[in-house]
Amino acid sequence: MEEVRQALEREQVPVANAETAMVPKTMLELEAKETVSVLKLMERLEELDDVQRVYSNLELSEEALKEFA
């Protein structure tokens, strides 16, 4: 990926961001209550100093997002 970014920059193509990402192949759908629990866990994990990124394959429903907010 770094080679591609450098090649683009040599050709004067602007690169806004270059990073790898973990993209799930399958998504997990839970009940709203369980989804909120998982979101709270993810939030707590993100607050830890040693944690840089938190990934999930959780499918977020509107109902769960409203309940979490």
N, C-alpha and C. Protein backbone atom coordinates (compact mmCIF):
# COMPACT_ATOMS: atom_id res chain seq x y z
N MET A 1 0.81 -1.18 0.00
CA MET A 1 0.00 0.00 0.00
C MET A 1 0.87 1.26 0.00
N GLU A 2 1.96 1.20 0.73
CA GLU A 2 2.85 2.36 0.79
C GLU A 2 3.43 2.66 -0.59
N GLU A 3 3.75 1.62 -1.33
CA GLU A 3 4.28 1.82 -2.68
C GLU A 3 3.26 2.50 -3.58
N VAL A 4 2.01 2.12 -3.46
CA VAL A 4 0.95 2.73 -4.26
C VAL A 4 0.78 4.20 -3.88
N ARG A 5 0.79 4.48 -2.59
CA ARG A 5 0.65 5.87 -2.13
C ARG A 5 1.79 6.73 -2.67
N GLN A 6 3.01 6.21 -2.60
CA GLN A 6 4.16 6.96 -3.09
C GLN A 6 4.08 7.18 -4.61
N ALA A 7 3.64 6.16 -5.34
CA ALA A 7 3.50 6.28 -6.79
C ALA A 7 2.46 7.34 -7.14
N LEU A 8 1.35 7.37 -6.41
CA LEU A 8 0.33 8.39 -6.65
C LEU A 8 0.87 9.78 -6.38
N GLU A 9 1.62 9.92 -5.30
CA GLU A 9 2.18 11.22 -4.96
C GLU A 9 3.23 11.67 -5.99
N ARG A 10 4.00 10.71 -6.53
CA ARG A 10 4.97 11.06 -7.59
C ARG A 10 4.26 11.59 -8.83
N GLU A 11 3.07 11.07 -9.08
CA GLU A 11 2.27 11.53 -10.23
C GLU A 11 1.43 12.75 -9.87
N GLN A 12 1.66 13.30 -8.70
CA GLN A 12 0.97 14.48 -8.18
C GLN A 12 -0.54 14.27 -8.03
N VAL A 13 -0.91 13.05 -7.68
CA VAL A 13 -2.31 12.75 -7.36
C VAL A 13 -2.45 12.93 -5.85
N PRO A 14 -3.33 13.83 -5.42
CA PRO A 14 -3.46 14.07 -3.98
C PRO A 14 -4.02 12.84 -3.25
N VAL A 15 -3.38 12.49 -2.14
CA VAL A 15 -3.82 11.37 -1.31
C VAL A 15 -4.28 11.95 0.02
N ALA A 16 -5.58 11.86 0.30
CA ALA A 16 -6.12 12.42 1.53
C ALA A 16 -5.83 11.51 2.72
N ASN A 17 -5.88 10.19 2.49
CA ASN A 17 -5.71 9.26 3.59
C ASN A 17 -5.24 7.93 3.02
N ALA A 18 -4.33 7.26 3.72
CA ALA A 18 -3.85 5.96 3.28
C ALA A 18 -3.68 5.07 4.51
N GLU A 19 -4.59 4.14 4.67
CA GLU A 19 -4.50 3.21 5.79
C GLU A 19 -5.26 1.94 5.45
N THR A 20 -4.88 0.87 6.11
CA THR A 20 -5.61 -0.38 5.93
C THR A 20 -6.76 -0.42 6.92
N ALA A 21 -7.78 -1.16 6.57
CA ALA A 21 -8.95 -1.27 7.45
C ALA A 21 -9.41 -2.72 7.47
N MET A 22 -9.97 -3.11 8.58
CA MET A 22 -10.54 -4.45 8.70
C MET A 22 -12.02 -4.36 8.34
N VAL A 23 -12.40 -5.06 7.29
CA VAL A 23 -13.78 -5.04 6.82
C VAL A 23 -14.35 -6.45 6.99
N PRO A 24 -15.43 -6.58 7.76
CA PRO A 24 -15.99 -7.92 8.01
C PRO A 24 -16.63 -8.52 6.76
N LYS A 25 -16.51 -9.82 6.62
CA LYS A 25 -17.17 -10.53 5.52
C LYS A 25 -18.62 -10.83 5.86
N THR A 26 -18.90 -11.03 7.14
CA THR A 26 -20.27 -11.28 7.58
C THR A 26 -20.60 -10.31 8.70
N MET A 27 -21.85 -9.93 8.76
CA MET A 27 -22.31 -9.02 9.79
C MET A 27 -23.14 -9.79 10.82
N LEU A 28 -23.12 -9.33 12.05
CA LEU A 28 -23.84 -9.95 13.15
C LEU A 28 -24.98 -9.03 13.58
N GLU A 29 -26.18 -9.56 13.59
CA GLU A 29 -27.34 -8.79 14.01
C GLU A 29 -27.83 -9.32 15.36
N LEU A 30 -27.93 -8.42 16.33
CA LEU A 30 -28.39 -8.78 17.68
C LEU A 30 -29.66 -8.02 18.01
N GLU A 31 -30.29 -8.42 19.09
CA GLU A 31 -31.43 -7.67 19.61
C GLU A 31 -30.93 -6.30 20.08
N ALA A 32 -31.82 -5.33 20.15
CA ALA A 32 -31.44 -3.97 20.51
C ALA A 32 -30.73 -3.91 21.86
N LYS A 33 -31.25 -4.64 22.85
CA LYS A 33 -30.66 -4.62 24.19
C LYS A 33 -29.23 -5.16 24.17
N GLU A 34 -29.01 -6.25 23.44
CA GLU A 34 -27.67 -6.83 23.33
C GLU A 34 -26.74 -5.90 22.56
N THR A 35 -27.26 -5.26 21.53
CA THR A 35 -26.46 -4.33 20.74
C THR A 35 -25.98 -3.17 21.60
N VAL A 36 -26.85 -2.64 22.44
CA VAL A 36 -26.48 -1.55 23.33
C VAL A 36 -25.37 -2.00 24.28
N SER A 37 -25.46 -3.21 24.79
CA SER A 37 -24.43 -3.74 25.69
C SER A 37 -23.08 -3.82 24.96
N VAL A 38 -23.10 -4.29 23.74
CA VAL A 38 -21.87 -4.40 22.96
C VAL A 38 -21.30 -3.01 22.67
N LEU A 39 -22.16 -2.06 22.34
CA LEU A 39 -21.70 -0.69 22.08
C LEU A 39 -21.06 -0.07 23.32
N LYS A 40 -21.63 -0.34 24.48
CA LYS A 40 -21.06 0.16 25.73
C LYS A 40 -19.68 -0.46 25.97
N LEU A 41 -19.55 -1.76 25.70
CA LEU A 41 -18.27 -2.44 25.84
C LEU A 41 -17.25 -1.83 24.88
N MET A 42 -17.63 -1.62 23.64
CA MET A 42 -16.73 -1.03 22.65
C MET A 42 -16.29 0.37 23.08
N GLU A 43 -17.21 1.13 23.62
CA GLU A 43 -16.90 2.48 24.09
C GLU A 43 -15.87 2.43 25.22
N ARG A 44 -16.04 1.49 26.14
CA ARG A 44 -15.10 1.35 27.26
C ARG A 44 -13.73 0.89 26.76
N LEU A 45 -13.72 0.00 25.77
CA LEU A 45 -12.45 -0.46 25.21
C LEU A 45 -11.70 0.69 24.55
N GLU A 46 -12.42 1.52 23.82
CA GLU A 46 -11.80 2.65 23.13
C GLU A 46 -11.18 3.65 24.11
N GLU A 47 -11.69 3.71 25.32
CA GLU A 47 -11.18 4.63 26.33
C GLU A 47 -9.86 4.18 26.94
N LEU A 48 -9.51 2.90 26.78
CA LEU A 48 -8.27 2.38 27.35
C LEU A 48 -7.07 2.94 26.60
N ASP A 49 -6.03 3.31 27.33
CA ASP A 49 -4.84 3.91 26.73
C ASP A 49 -4.12 2.96 25.77
N ASP A 50 -4.13 1.67 26.08
CA ASP A 50 -3.40 0.71 25.26
C ASP A 50 -4.15 0.29 23.99
N VAL A 51 -5.41 0.66 23.88
CA VAL A 51 -6.22 0.26 22.72
C VAL A 51 -6.17 1.37 21.68
N GLN A 52 -5.77 1.00 20.46
CA GLN A 52 -5.68 1.99 19.39
C GLN A 52 -6.95 2.01 18.55
N ARG A 53 -7.51 0.84 18.25
CA ARG A 53 -8.72 0.75 17.43
C ARG A 53 -9.56 -0.42 17.91
N VAL A 54 -10.87 -0.26 17.74
CA VAL A 54 -11.80 -1.34 18.08
C VAL A 54 -12.61 -1.64 16.82
N TYR A 55 -12.61 -2.90 16.41
CA TYR A 55 -13.35 -3.32 15.22
C TYR A 55 -14.53 -4.19 15.63
N SER A 56 -15.55 -4.19 14.80
CA SER A 56 -16.73 -5.00 15.08
C SER A 56 -17.42 -5.38 13.77
N ASN A 57 -18.14 -6.48 13.80
CA ASN A 57 -18.96 -6.86 12.66
C ASN A 57 -20.44 -6.77 13.04
N LEU A 58 -20.73 -5.90 13.98
CA LEU A 58 -22.08 -5.73 14.51
C LEU A 58 -22.94 -4.89 13.57
N GLU A 59 -24.10 -5.39 13.23
CA GLU A 59 -25.07 -4.66 12.42
C GLU A 59 -25.86 -3.76 13.36
N LEU A 60 -25.81 -2.45 13.13
CA LEU A 60 -26.46 -1.50 14.03
C LEU A 60 -27.85 -1.13 13.51
N SER A 61 -28.86 -1.37 14.32
CA SER A 61 -30.22 -1.00 13.94
C SER A 61 -30.53 0.39 14.46
N GLU A 62 -31.50 1.02 13.85
CA GLU A 62 -31.95 2.35 14.29
C GLU A 62 -32.42 2.32 15.73
N GLU A 63 -33.15 1.27 16.07
CA GLU A 63 -33.70 1.11 17.43
C GLU A 63 -32.57 1.06 18.46
N ALA A 64 -31.53 0.28 18.16
CA ALA A 64 -30.41 0.15 19.10
C ALA A 64 -29.66 1.48 19.22
N LEU A 65 -29.48 2.18 18.12
CA LEU A 65 -28.78 3.47 18.17
C LEU A 65 -29.56 4.49 18.99
N LYS A 66 -30.88 4.49 18.85
CA LYS A 66 -31.71 5.41 19.64
C LYS A 66 -31.62 5.08 21.12
N GLU A 67 -31.62 3.79 21.44
CA GLU A 67 -31.55 3.35 22.83
C GLU A 67 -30.17 3.67 23.43
N PHE A 68 -29.12 3.58 22.62
CA PHE A 68 -27.77 3.86 23.07
C PHE A 68 -27.54 5.35 23.33
N ALA A 69 -28.16 6.17 22.53
CA ALA A 69 -27.93 7.63 22.62
C ALA A 69 -28.50 8.24 23.85
